[in-house]
Amino acid sequence: MTLHQMRRNYGDQGIDEGDVLPDPAAQFAQWFQDAQEDSPGDWFEVNAMTLATADATGYVTARIVLLKGFEEGCPIFFTNYSSQKGRQLEANPRAALCFYWPHCERSVRIEGTVERSTRQASEAYFACRPRGSQLGAIISEQTAVIPSREWLQQRLEVAERTYADQPIPCPPHWGGYRLVPRHYEFWQGRPNRLHDRIEYTREEPARPWSIRRLSP
């Protein structure tokens, strides 16, 4: 099958702007639960999302990260503040998230401004991570060039000895971000590429959300 021939026709299940919830975070929670309940297996990470960021010049990068919670309607993820995405968010605190759940024929896009989580929130989440993940955050200079896999393994072994039989502290260069949404889009696949797209927008956090249908 060639790339030109790769094509999927979606089902008849649709969404209507009159039926969605007034709060997009609540609508997202409903769709997220649906995606979990209909998950094709443990291998599928329902909370995986594409995170797009840009630096001060407008150079854009994207990668997959994991959603780790909601705080006052704001999606939360965690990372190394010194990583490429951390540096870009420092220079340009705006980002876009995209979830794709092919088994539900659904996608959600979220856009807004980004701010760091409180240190207390970052430390609380770090404390509940598996010990191996904690050690990884300690030793990883995320995005930096390293000489070899062996060099990384040696750093891990040193960290294991250093923190043997003691709690691993949350490093100062690691923590959470929360995205304060200004735009949501809920996409439902439909036959013949006439998809349903429902958009939520607002300019200020205190204002109500506007809901409207977009052309596919």
N, C-alpha and C. Protein backbone atom coordinates (compact mmCIF):
# COMPACT_ATOMS: atom_id res chain seq x y z
N MET A 1 0.84 -1.19 0.00
CA MET A 1 0.00 0.00 0.00
C MET A 1 0.88 1.25 0.00
N THR A 2 0.62 2.16 -0.92
CA THR A 2 1.40 3.40 -1.00
C THR A 2 0.84 4.42 -0.01
N LEU A 3 1.61 5.48 0.21
CA LEU A 3 1.13 6.56 1.09
C LEU A 3 -0.17 7.15 0.57
N HIS A 4 -0.31 7.25 -0.75
CA HIS A 4 -1.54 7.79 -1.33
C HIS A 4 -2.74 6.91 -1.02
N GLN A 5 -2.49 5.63 -0.85
CA GLN A 5 -3.59 4.69 -0.61
C GLN A 5 -3.94 4.53 0.87
N MET A 6 -3.11 5.04 1.75
CA MET A 6 -3.37 4.92 3.18
C MET A 6 -4.48 5.88 3.57
N ARG A 7 -5.63 5.31 3.87
CA ARG A 7 -6.79 6.15 4.13
C ARG A 7 -7.78 5.37 5.00
N ARG A 8 -8.32 6.03 5.99
CA ARG A 8 -9.31 5.39 6.85
C ARG A 8 -10.59 6.21 6.81
N ASN A 9 -11.71 5.55 6.64
CA ASN A 9 -12.99 6.24 6.69
C ASN A 9 -13.58 6.08 8.08
N TYR A 10 -13.93 7.18 8.71
CA TYR A 10 -14.37 7.16 10.10
C TYR A 10 -15.86 6.85 10.20
N GLY A 11 -16.32 6.61 11.44
CA GLY A 11 -17.69 6.18 11.68
C GLY A 11 -18.69 7.32 11.72
N ASP A 12 -19.91 6.94 12.12
CA ASP A 12 -21.02 7.89 12.11
C ASP A 12 -21.22 8.61 13.44
N GLN A 13 -20.48 8.21 14.48
CA GLN A 13 -20.66 8.88 15.77
C GLN A 13 -20.23 10.33 15.66
N GLY A 14 -21.08 11.24 16.12
CA GLY A 14 -20.77 12.66 16.00
C GLY A 14 -20.91 13.41 17.30
N ILE A 15 -20.54 14.68 17.29
CA ILE A 15 -20.73 15.57 18.43
C ILE A 15 -21.41 16.85 17.94
N ASP A 16 -22.21 17.43 18.81
CA ASP A 16 -22.93 18.66 18.47
C ASP A 16 -22.63 19.72 19.51
N GLU A 17 -22.51 20.95 19.10
CA GLU A 17 -22.18 22.03 20.03
C GLU A 17 -23.25 22.21 21.10
N GLY A 18 -24.46 21.77 20.83
CA GLY A 18 -25.52 21.88 21.82
C GLY A 18 -25.47 20.80 22.87
N ASP A 19 -24.68 19.76 22.64
CA ASP A 19 -24.64 18.63 23.57
C ASP A 19 -23.40 18.60 24.46
N VAL A 20 -22.35 19.37 24.12
CA VAL A 20 -21.13 19.33 24.91
C VAL A 20 -21.31 20.11 26.22
N LEU A 21 -20.47 19.82 27.18
CA LEU A 21 -20.54 20.49 28.47
C LEU A 21 -20.04 21.93 28.35
N PRO A 22 -20.52 22.86 29.19
CA PRO A 22 -20.09 24.26 29.08
C PRO A 22 -18.64 24.49 29.46
N ASP A 23 -18.07 23.60 30.28
CA ASP A 23 -16.67 23.72 30.69
C ASP A 23 -15.83 22.73 29.89
N PRO A 24 -14.87 23.19 29.08
CA PRO A 24 -14.09 22.26 28.26
C PRO A 24 -13.25 21.29 29.08
N ALA A 25 -12.82 21.68 30.29
CA ALA A 25 -12.07 20.75 31.13
C ALA A 25 -12.95 19.57 31.53
N ALA A 26 -14.24 19.83 31.81
CA ALA A 26 -15.17 18.75 32.12
C ALA A 26 -15.45 17.89 30.90
N GLN A 27 -15.56 18.53 29.74
CA GLN A 27 -15.75 17.76 28.50
C GLN A 27 -14.53 16.90 28.21
N PHE A 28 -13.34 17.46 28.45
CA PHE A 28 -12.12 16.68 28.26
C PHE A 28 -12.10 15.48 29.21
N ALA A 29 -12.46 15.69 30.47
CA ALA A 29 -12.46 14.60 31.45
C ALA A 29 -13.39 13.48 31.00
N GLN A 30 -14.53 13.84 30.41
CA GLN A 30 -15.47 12.84 29.93
C GLN A 30 -14.88 12.04 28.77
N TRP A 31 -14.25 12.72 27.83
CA TRP A 31 -13.63 12.04 26.69
C TRP A 31 -12.43 11.21 27.15
N PHE A 32 -11.67 11.73 28.11
CA PHE A 32 -10.52 11.00 28.61
C PHE A 32 -10.97 9.69 29.25
N GLN A 33 -12.05 9.74 30.02
CA GLN A 33 -12.59 8.53 30.63
C GLN A 33 -13.05 7.54 29.57
N ASP A 34 -13.72 8.05 28.53
CA ASP A 34 -14.13 7.17 27.43
C ASP A 34 -12.92 6.49 26.79
N ALA A 35 -11.85 7.25 26.58
CA ALA A 35 -10.65 6.69 25.97
C ALA A 35 -10.01 5.63 26.86
N GLN A 36 -10.05 5.85 28.17
CA GLN A 36 -9.53 4.85 29.10
C GLN A 36 -10.36 3.57 29.07
N GLU A 37 -11.67 3.73 29.13
CA GLU A 37 -12.56 2.57 29.19
C GLU A 37 -12.50 1.75 27.91
N ASP A 38 -12.28 2.40 26.77
CA ASP A 38 -12.23 1.69 25.49
C ASP A 38 -10.80 1.43 25.02
N SER A 39 -9.82 1.58 25.92
CA SER A 39 -8.42 1.44 25.54
C SER A 39 -8.14 0.09 24.89
N PRO A 40 -7.34 0.07 23.83
CA PRO A 40 -7.03 -1.20 23.16
C PRO A 40 -6.11 -2.11 23.96
N GLY A 41 -5.53 -1.61 25.05
CA GLY A 41 -4.64 -2.44 25.87
C GLY A 41 -3.76 -1.62 26.77
N ASP A 42 -3.05 -2.30 27.68
CA ASP A 42 -2.18 -1.61 28.62
C ASP A 42 -1.04 -0.87 27.92
N TRP A 43 -0.71 -1.30 26.71
CA TRP A 43 0.39 -0.67 25.98
C TRP A 43 0.03 0.75 25.53
N PHE A 44 -1.27 1.04 25.44
CA PHE A 44 -1.70 2.34 24.91
C PHE A 44 -1.76 3.37 26.03
N GLU A 45 -0.98 4.43 25.91
CA GLU A 45 -0.92 5.48 26.93
C GLU A 45 -1.94 6.57 26.59
N VAL A 46 -3.08 6.50 27.25
CA VAL A 46 -4.17 7.45 26.98
C VAL A 46 -3.73 8.87 27.32
N ASN A 47 -2.83 9.03 28.31
CA ASN A 47 -2.40 10.37 28.74
C ASN A 47 -1.21 10.90 27.95
N ALA A 48 -0.80 10.19 26.89
CA ALA A 48 0.28 10.70 26.04
C ALA A 48 -0.25 11.85 25.18
N MET A 49 0.54 12.89 25.07
CA MET A 49 0.11 14.07 24.30
C MET A 49 1.31 14.70 23.62
N THR A 50 1.06 15.29 22.46
CA THR A 50 2.09 16.07 21.80
C THR A 50 2.13 17.46 22.43
N LEU A 51 3.33 17.89 22.80
CA LEU A 51 3.53 19.24 23.35
C LEU A 51 4.37 20.03 22.36
N ALA A 52 3.81 21.12 21.84
CA ALA A 52 4.53 22.00 20.91
C ALA A 52 4.90 23.30 21.62
N THR A 53 6.16 23.69 21.49
CA THR A 53 6.66 24.93 22.07
C THR A 53 7.49 25.66 21.03
N ALA A 54 7.76 26.92 21.29
CA ALA A 54 8.57 27.73 20.38
C ALA A 54 9.48 28.65 21.17
N ASP A 55 10.64 28.96 20.60
CA ASP A 55 11.54 29.89 21.28
C ASP A 55 11.18 31.33 20.92
N ALA A 56 11.98 32.27 21.37
CA ALA A 56 11.67 33.69 21.17
C ALA A 56 11.69 34.10 19.70
N THR A 57 12.39 33.32 18.85
CA THR A 57 12.45 33.64 17.42
C THR A 57 11.32 33.00 16.64
N GLY A 58 10.54 32.13 17.29
CA GLY A 58 9.46 31.44 16.60
C GLY A 58 9.81 30.05 16.13
N TYR A 59 11.03 29.56 16.41
CA TYR A 59 11.42 28.21 16.03
C TYR A 59 10.62 27.22 16.87
N VAL A 60 9.92 26.31 16.21
CA VAL A 60 8.96 25.42 16.87
C VAL A 60 9.52 24.00 16.99
N THR A 61 9.28 23.36 18.13
CA THR A 61 9.59 21.95 18.30
C THR A 61 8.39 21.27 18.95
N ALA A 62 8.30 19.95 18.76
CA ALA A 62 7.21 19.17 19.35
C ALA A 62 7.76 17.83 19.80
N ARG A 63 7.13 17.27 20.83
CA ARG A 63 7.53 15.99 21.38
C ARG A 63 6.35 15.39 22.15
N ILE A 64 6.45 14.11 22.50
CA ILE A 64 5.40 13.46 23.28
C ILE A 64 5.75 13.54 24.75
N VAL A 65 4.83 14.00 25.57
CA VAL A 65 4.97 14.00 27.03
C VAL A 65 3.68 13.40 27.61
N LEU A 66 3.66 13.23 28.93
CA LEU A 66 2.51 12.62 29.58
C LEU A 66 1.75 13.62 30.44
N LEU A 67 0.44 13.64 30.26
CA LEU A 67 -0.42 14.43 31.14
C LEU A 67 -0.40 13.80 32.52
N LYS A 68 -0.17 14.62 33.56
CA LYS A 68 -0.08 14.07 34.91
C LYS A 68 -1.07 14.69 35.88
N GLY A 69 -2.04 15.43 35.37
CA GLY A 69 -3.07 15.96 36.25
C GLY A 69 -3.70 17.21 35.70
N PHE A 70 -4.74 17.67 36.41
CA PHE A 70 -5.38 18.94 36.12
C PHE A 70 -5.41 19.73 37.43
N GLU A 71 -5.14 21.01 37.34
CA GLU A 71 -5.17 21.90 38.50
C GLU A 71 -5.96 23.13 38.13
N GLU A 72 -7.15 23.28 38.73
CA GLU A 72 -8.04 24.40 38.42
C GLU A 72 -8.29 24.52 36.92
N GLY A 73 -8.54 23.37 36.29
CA GLY A 73 -8.82 23.34 34.86
C GLY A 73 -7.60 23.42 33.96
N CYS A 74 -6.40 23.37 34.55
CA CYS A 74 -5.17 23.51 33.78
C CYS A 74 -4.43 22.17 33.68
N PRO A 75 -4.15 21.68 32.47
CA PRO A 75 -3.37 20.45 32.32
C PRO A 75 -1.96 20.63 32.89
N ILE A 76 -1.42 19.57 33.50
CA ILE A 76 -0.11 19.61 34.14
C ILE A 76 0.79 18.54 33.57
N PHE A 77 2.05 18.90 33.30
CA PHE A 77 3.07 17.93 32.93
C PHE A 77 4.36 18.30 33.63
N PHE A 78 5.30 17.36 33.68
CA PHE A 78 6.55 17.56 34.41
C PHE A 78 7.73 17.30 33.48
N THR A 79 8.84 18.01 33.75
CA THR A 79 10.00 17.86 32.89
C THR A 79 11.23 18.48 33.54
N ASN A 80 12.34 18.41 32.84
CA ASN A 80 13.58 19.08 33.24
C ASN A 80 13.51 20.53 32.76
N TYR A 81 13.62 21.48 33.68
CA TYR A 81 13.52 22.88 33.31
C TYR A 81 14.66 23.34 32.39
N SER A 82 15.77 22.58 32.39
CA SER A 82 16.91 22.94 31.55
C SER A 82 16.85 22.31 30.17
N SER A 83 15.81 21.52 29.91
CA SER A 83 15.66 20.87 28.60
C SER A 83 15.32 21.90 27.53
N GLN A 84 15.29 21.45 26.28
CA GLN A 84 14.95 22.36 25.19
C GLN A 84 13.56 22.96 25.40
N LYS A 85 12.59 22.14 25.76
CA LYS A 85 11.24 22.67 25.97
C LYS A 85 11.20 23.62 27.16
N GLY A 86 11.99 23.31 28.20
CA GLY A 86 12.05 24.20 29.36
C GLY A 86 12.63 25.56 28.98
N ARG A 87 13.69 25.56 28.19
CA ARG A 87 14.31 26.82 27.76
C ARG A 87 13.36 27.60 26.85
N GLN A 88 12.65 26.88 25.98
CA GLN A 88 11.71 27.56 25.10
C GLN A 88 10.55 28.16 25.89
N LEU A 89 10.05 27.44 26.87
CA LEU A 89 8.95 27.96 27.67
C LEU A 89 9.39 29.15 28.52
N GLU A 90 10.65 29.17 28.89
CA GLU A 90 11.18 30.32 29.63
C GLU A 90 11.19 31.56 28.75
N ALA A 91 11.56 31.37 27.47
CA ALA A 91 11.64 32.49 26.54
C ALA A 91 10.29 32.87 25.96
N ASN A 92 9.40 31.90 25.82
CA ASN A 92 8.11 32.12 25.17
C ASN A 92 7.09 31.23 25.86
N PRO A 93 6.45 31.69 26.94
CA PRO A 93 5.59 30.83 27.77
C PRO A 93 4.22 30.56 27.17
N ARG A 94 4.22 30.04 25.95
CA ARG A 94 2.99 29.62 25.27
C ARG A 94 3.21 28.22 24.73
N ALA A 95 2.15 27.44 24.69
CA ALA A 95 2.30 26.06 24.21
C ALA A 95 0.98 25.55 23.68
N ALA A 96 1.06 24.42 22.96
CA ALA A 96 -0.12 23.72 22.46
C ALA A 96 0.03 22.24 22.77
N LEU A 97 -1.07 21.62 23.15
CA LEU A 97 -1.14 20.19 23.43
C LEU A 97 -2.07 19.54 22.42
N CYS A 98 -1.78 18.29 22.07
CA CYS A 98 -2.66 17.54 21.18
C CYS A 98 -2.74 16.09 21.64
N PHE A 99 -3.95 15.62 21.90
CA PHE A 99 -4.21 14.23 22.24
C PHE A 99 -4.86 13.56 21.03
N TYR A 100 -4.47 12.32 20.75
CA TYR A 100 -5.10 11.57 19.68
C TYR A 100 -5.44 10.18 20.19
N TRP A 101 -6.72 9.83 20.14
CA TRP A 101 -7.21 8.52 20.58
C TRP A 101 -7.84 7.84 19.37
N PRO A 102 -7.03 7.15 18.56
CA PRO A 102 -7.55 6.58 17.31
C PRO A 102 -8.64 5.54 17.52
N HIS A 103 -8.60 4.84 18.66
CA HIS A 103 -9.61 3.81 18.90
C HIS A 103 -10.99 4.43 19.16
N CYS A 104 -11.01 5.72 19.53
CA CYS A 104 -12.27 6.44 19.70
C CYS A 104 -12.57 7.37 18.52
N GLU A 105 -11.63 7.45 17.58
CA GLU A 105 -11.73 8.38 16.45
C GLU A 105 -11.89 9.80 16.94
N ARG A 106 -11.09 10.15 17.96
CA ARG A 106 -11.19 11.47 18.58
C ARG A 106 -9.80 12.09 18.79
N SER A 107 -9.81 13.41 18.78
CA SER A 107 -8.60 14.18 19.09
C SER A 107 -9.01 15.44 19.85
N VAL A 108 -8.12 15.91 20.71
CA VAL A 108 -8.35 17.16 21.44
C VAL A 108 -7.10 18.02 21.34
N ARG A 109 -7.29 19.28 20.99
CA ARG A 109 -6.19 20.27 21.00
C ARG A 109 -6.46 21.29 22.10
N ILE A 110 -5.40 21.67 22.83
CA ILE A 110 -5.50 22.68 23.88
C ILE A 110 -4.35 23.67 23.69
N GLU A 111 -4.65 24.96 23.72
CA GLU A 111 -3.63 26.00 23.56
C GLU A 111 -3.76 27.02 24.68
N GLY A 112 -2.62 27.60 25.07
CA GLY A 112 -2.67 28.63 26.10
C GLY A 112 -1.29 29.04 26.56
N THR A 113 -1.26 29.74 27.67
CA THR A 113 -0.02 30.18 28.27
C THR A 113 0.43 29.15 29.31
N VAL A 114 1.72 29.14 29.59
CA VAL A 114 2.30 28.12 30.48
C VAL A 114 3.02 28.80 31.63
N GLU A 115 2.84 28.23 32.82
CA GLU A 115 3.54 28.72 34.01
C GLU A 115 4.03 27.52 34.83
N ARG A 116 5.06 27.74 35.61
CA ARG A 116 5.58 26.65 36.43
C ARG A 116 4.62 26.31 37.57
N SER A 117 4.56 25.03 37.90
CA SER A 117 3.82 24.61 39.09
C SER A 117 4.55 25.11 40.33
N THR A 118 3.87 25.11 41.45
CA THR A 118 4.54 25.47 42.70
C THR A 118 5.59 24.42 43.03
N ARG A 119 6.61 24.84 43.78
CA ARG A 119 7.65 23.88 44.16
C ARG A 119 7.06 22.75 45.00
N GLN A 120 6.08 23.09 45.81
CA GLN A 120 5.44 22.07 46.64
C GLN A 120 4.76 21.01 45.78
N ALA A 121 4.08 21.44 44.71
CA ALA A 121 3.40 20.49 43.82
C ALA A 121 4.42 19.61 43.10
N SER A 122 5.52 20.21 42.66
CA SER A 122 6.55 19.43 41.96
C SER A 122 7.17 18.39 42.88
N GLU A 123 7.47 18.79 44.10
CA GLU A 123 8.09 17.85 45.04
C GLU A 123 7.12 16.74 45.43
N ALA A 124 5.85 17.06 45.56
CA ALA A 124 4.85 16.05 45.91
C ALA A 124 4.73 15.01 44.81
N TYR A 125 4.71 15.46 43.55
CA TYR A 125 4.63 14.49 42.46
C TYR A 125 5.92 13.68 42.36
N PHE A 126 7.06 14.35 42.49
CA PHE A 126 8.34 13.64 42.39
C PHE A 126 8.43 12.53 43.43
N ALA A 127 7.91 12.77 44.62
CA ALA A 127 7.99 11.79 45.71
C ALA A 127 7.21 10.52 45.40
N CYS A 128 6.19 10.60 44.54
CA CYS A 128 5.38 9.42 44.23
C CYS A 128 5.86 8.70 42.97
N ARG A 129 6.91 9.20 42.33
CA ARG A 129 7.43 8.54 41.13
C ARG A 129 8.20 7.28 41.52
N PRO A 130 8.30 6.29 40.61
CA PRO A 130 9.16 5.13 40.88
C PRO A 130 10.60 5.58 41.12
N ARG A 131 11.30 4.85 41.95
CA ARG A 131 12.67 5.24 42.32
C ARG A 131 13.58 5.35 41.08
N GLY A 132 13.38 4.43 40.14
CA GLY A 132 14.20 4.50 38.94
C GLY A 132 13.97 5.79 38.16
N SER A 133 12.71 6.25 38.10
CA SER A 133 12.41 7.51 37.42
C SER A 133 13.01 8.69 38.18
N GLN A 134 13.01 8.62 39.50
CA GLN A 134 13.63 9.68 40.30
C GLN A 134 15.13 9.76 40.01
N LEU A 135 15.79 8.61 39.97
CA LEU A 135 17.22 8.60 39.66
C LEU A 135 17.48 9.13 38.26
N GLY A 136 16.59 8.78 37.32
CA GLY A 136 16.74 9.29 35.96
C GLY A 136 16.68 10.80 35.90
N ALA A 137 15.78 11.39 36.68
CA ALA A 137 15.68 12.86 36.71
C ALA A 137 16.92 13.49 37.32
N ILE A 138 17.52 12.80 38.28
CA ILE A 138 18.73 13.32 38.93
C ILE A 138 19.90 13.36 37.96
N ILE A 139 20.08 12.29 37.18
CA ILE A 139 21.30 12.16 36.38
C ILE A 139 21.16 12.74 34.97
N SER A 140 19.93 12.90 34.47
CA SER A 140 19.77 13.30 33.09
C SER A 140 19.93 14.80 32.88
N GLU A 141 20.81 15.16 32.00
CA GLU A 141 20.93 16.55 31.53
C GLU A 141 20.14 16.61 30.22
N GLN A 142 18.82 16.64 30.34
CA GLN A 142 17.93 16.39 29.21
C GLN A 142 18.24 17.29 28.02
N THR A 143 18.36 16.67 26.87
CA THR A 143 18.63 17.29 25.57
C THR A 143 20.12 17.54 25.34
N ALA A 144 20.95 17.52 26.40
CA ALA A 144 22.39 17.75 26.23
C ALA A 144 23.03 16.57 25.50
N VAL A 145 24.07 16.86 24.72
CA VAL A 145 24.83 15.81 24.03
C VAL A 145 25.66 15.06 25.06
N ILE A 146 25.64 13.72 24.98
CA ILE A 146 26.43 12.89 25.90
C ILE A 146 27.35 11.98 25.09
N PRO A 147 28.47 11.53 25.68
CA PRO A 147 29.44 10.75 24.92
C PRO A 147 29.00 9.35 24.56
N SER A 148 28.19 8.70 25.42
CA SER A 148 27.82 7.32 25.14
C SER A 148 26.74 6.85 26.12
N ARG A 149 26.15 5.70 25.81
CA ARG A 149 25.20 5.06 26.72
C ARG A 149 25.93 4.60 27.99
N GLU A 150 27.16 4.15 27.82
CA GLU A 150 27.95 3.69 28.97
C GLU A 150 28.18 4.83 29.97
N TRP A 151 28.41 6.03 29.47
CA TRP A 151 28.61 7.20 30.33
C TRP A 151 27.36 7.44 31.17
N LEU A 152 26.19 7.29 30.54
CA LEU A 152 24.94 7.47 31.26
C LEU A 152 24.76 6.39 32.32
N GLN A 153 25.10 5.15 31.98
CA GLN A 153 24.97 4.06 32.92
C GLN A 153 25.89 4.25 34.12
N GLN A 154 27.08 4.78 33.89
CA GLN A 154 28.01 5.04 34.99
C GLN A 154 27.45 6.10 35.93
N ARG A 155 26.82 7.13 35.37
CA ARG A 155 26.18 8.16 36.21
C ARG A 155 25.06 7.56 37.05
N LEU A 156 24.30 6.64 36.47
CA LEU A 156 23.24 5.98 37.21
C LEU A 156 23.80 5.17 38.37
N GLU A 157 24.87 4.46 38.13
CA GLU A 157 25.47 3.65 39.19
C GLU A 157 25.99 4.51 40.33
N VAL A 158 26.56 5.67 39.99
CA VAL A 158 27.03 6.59 41.03
C VAL A 158 25.85 7.11 41.85
N ALA A 159 24.76 7.47 41.17
CA ALA A 159 23.57 7.98 41.87
C ALA A 159 22.96 6.91 42.76
N GLU A 160 22.95 5.67 42.29
CA GLU A 160 22.40 4.57 43.10
C GLU A 160 23.19 4.41 44.39
N ARG A 161 24.50 4.54 44.30
CA ARG A 161 25.33 4.44 45.51
C ARG A 161 25.14 5.66 46.42
N THR A 162 25.03 6.83 45.80
CA THR A 162 24.90 8.07 46.58
C THR A 162 23.61 8.08 47.39
N TYR A 163 22.52 7.59 46.78
CA TYR A 163 21.21 7.66 47.44
C TYR A 163 20.73 6.31 47.97
N ALA A 164 21.67 5.41 48.15
CA ALA A 164 21.29 4.10 48.68
C ALA A 164 20.65 4.24 50.06
N ASP A 165 19.49 3.60 50.22
CA ASP A 165 18.80 3.55 51.52
C ASP A 165 18.40 4.93 52.04
N GLN A 166 18.15 5.87 51.14
CA GLN A 166 17.66 7.18 51.57
C GLN A 166 16.75 7.77 50.50
N PRO A 167 15.84 8.66 50.90
CA PRO A 167 14.95 9.29 49.91
C PRO A 167 15.75 10.10 48.89
N ILE A 168 15.23 10.15 47.68
CA ILE A 168 15.86 10.92 46.61
C ILE A 168 15.16 12.27 46.52
N PRO A 169 15.88 13.36 46.72
CA PRO A 169 15.23 14.68 46.69
C PRO A 169 14.90 15.11 45.27
N CYS A 170 13.85 15.89 45.12
CA CYS A 170 13.49 16.45 43.83
C CYS A 170 14.54 17.48 43.43
N PRO A 171 15.22 17.28 42.30
CA PRO A 171 16.28 18.24 41.91
C PRO A 171 15.69 19.61 41.56
N PRO A 172 16.43 20.67 41.81
CA PRO A 172 15.90 22.02 41.55
C PRO A 172 15.63 22.29 40.08
N HIS A 173 16.28 21.53 39.19
CA HIS A 173 16.09 21.76 37.75
C HIS A 173 14.92 20.96 37.19
N TRP A 174 14.15 20.32 38.05
CA TRP A 174 13.05 19.45 37.58
C TRP A 174 11.75 19.87 38.25
N GLY A 175 10.65 19.86 37.49
CA GLY A 175 9.37 20.22 38.10
C GLY A 175 8.25 20.28 37.09
N GLY A 176 7.14 20.83 37.52
CA GLY A 176 5.93 20.83 36.71
C GLY A 176 5.65 22.13 36.01
N TYR A 177 4.84 22.02 34.98
CA TYR A 177 4.25 23.16 34.29
C TYR A 177 2.74 22.96 34.23
N ARG A 178 2.02 24.04 34.26
CA ARG A 178 0.58 23.96 33.98
C ARG A 178 0.25 24.90 32.84
N LEU A 179 -0.60 24.42 31.96
CA LEU A 179 -1.01 25.21 30.81
C LEU A 179 -2.37 25.84 31.12
N VAL A 180 -2.42 27.16 31.06
CA VAL A 180 -3.66 27.89 31.31
C VAL A 180 -4.37 28.06 29.97
N PRO A 181 -5.45 27.30 29.72
CA PRO A 181 -6.02 27.23 28.38
C PRO A 181 -6.77 28.50 27.96
N ARG A 182 -6.63 28.83 26.68
CA ARG A 182 -7.44 29.86 26.05
C ARG A 182 -8.23 29.29 24.88
N HIS A 183 -7.89 28.07 24.50
CA HIS A 183 -8.53 27.47 23.33
C HIS A 183 -8.53 25.95 23.47
N TYR A 184 -9.68 25.34 23.25
CA TYR A 184 -9.84 23.89 23.14
C TYR A 184 -10.49 23.60 21.79
N GLU A 185 -10.11 22.47 21.20
CA GLU A 185 -10.85 21.97 20.05
C GLU A 185 -11.07 20.47 20.20
N PHE A 186 -12.32 20.05 20.13
CA PHE A 186 -12.69 18.64 20.20
C PHE A 186 -13.03 18.16 18.79
N TRP A 187 -12.32 17.13 18.33
CA TRP A 187 -12.45 16.63 16.97
C TRP A 187 -12.98 15.20 17.01
N GLN A 188 -14.03 14.96 16.24
CA GLN A 188 -14.59 13.62 16.12
C GLN A 188 -14.58 13.22 14.65
N GLY A 189 -13.92 12.11 14.33
CA GLY A 189 -13.86 11.67 12.94
C GLY A 189 -15.24 11.28 12.42
N ARG A 190 -15.54 11.69 11.17
CA ARG A 190 -16.82 11.37 10.52
C ARG A 190 -16.55 10.89 9.08
N PRO A 191 -17.51 10.24 8.46
CA PRO A 191 -17.30 9.74 7.09
C PRO A 191 -16.98 10.86 6.10
N ASN A 192 -16.20 10.49 5.07
CA ASN A 192 -15.90 11.38 3.93
C ASN A 192 -15.17 12.65 4.34
N ARG A 193 -14.45 12.58 5.44
CA ARG A 193 -13.65 13.71 5.95
C ARG A 193 -14.51 14.91 6.37
N LEU A 194 -15.80 14.69 6.56
CA LEU A 194 -16.67 15.77 7.07
C LEU A 194 -16.74 15.65 8.59
N HIS A 195 -15.59 15.88 9.21
CA HIS A 195 -15.45 15.67 10.65
C HIS A 195 -16.19 16.73 11.45
N ASP A 196 -16.50 16.38 12.70
CA ASP A 196 -17.06 17.35 13.64
C ASP A 196 -15.92 18.01 14.40
N ARG A 197 -15.96 19.34 14.48
CA ARG A 197 -14.96 20.11 15.23
C ARG A 197 -15.69 21.14 16.08
N ILE A 198 -15.58 21.00 17.40
CA ILE A 198 -16.21 21.94 18.33
C ILE A 198 -15.12 22.71 19.05
N GLU A 199 -15.20 24.03 18.98
CA GLU A 199 -14.17 24.91 19.53
C GLU A 199 -14.69 25.65 20.75
N TYR A 200 -13.85 25.72 21.78
CA TYR A 200 -14.08 26.57 22.96
C TYR A 200 -13.00 27.66 22.96
N THR A 201 -13.38 28.91 23.16
CA THR A 201 -12.40 29.99 23.25
C THR A 201 -12.80 30.97 24.36
N ARG A 202 -11.79 31.59 24.94
CA ARG A 202 -12.00 32.74 25.83
C ARG A 202 -10.70 33.50 25.94
N GLU A 203 -10.81 34.81 26.15
CA GLU A 203 -9.63 35.67 26.19
C GLU A 203 -9.07 35.81 27.60
N GLU A 204 -9.93 35.76 28.60
CA GLU A 204 -9.50 35.94 29.98
C GLU A 204 -10.00 34.77 30.84
N PRO A 205 -9.19 34.30 31.82
CA PRO A 205 -9.60 33.15 32.63
C PRO A 205 -10.92 33.32 33.35
N ALA A 206 -11.29 34.55 33.70
CA ALA A 206 -12.52 34.76 34.47
C ALA A 206 -13.76 34.81 33.59
N ARG A 207 -13.60 34.88 32.29
CA ARG A 207 -14.74 35.01 31.39
C ARG A 207 -15.30 33.63 31.02
N PRO A 208 -16.59 33.56 30.65
CA PRO A 208 -17.16 32.28 30.23
C PRO A 208 -16.60 31.84 28.88
N TRP A 209 -16.69 30.56 28.61
CA TRP A 209 -16.21 30.01 27.34
C TRP A 209 -17.24 30.23 26.24
N SER A 210 -16.78 30.58 25.06
CA SER A 210 -17.61 30.62 23.86
C SER A 210 -17.46 29.29 23.14
N ILE A 211 -18.58 28.73 22.66
CA ILE A 211 -18.59 27.44 21.99
C ILE A 211 -19.14 27.62 20.58
N ARG A 212 -18.42 27.06 19.60
CA ARG A 212 -18.91 27.16 18.22
C ARG A 212 -18.39 25.98 17.40
N ARG A 213 -19.08 25.72 16.30
CA ARG A 213 -18.69 24.64 15.40
C ARG A 213 -17.77 25.18 14.30
N LEU A 214 -16.74 24.40 13.97
CA LEU A 214 -15.82 24.77 12.89
C LEU A 214 -16.05 23.87 11.69
N SER A 215 -15.74 24.39 10.53
CA SER A 215 -15.78 23.59 9.32
C SER A 215 -14.70 22.51 9.40
N PRO A 216 -14.96 21.32 8.86
CA PRO A 216 -13.94 20.25 8.92
C PRO A 216 -12.70 20.61 8.10
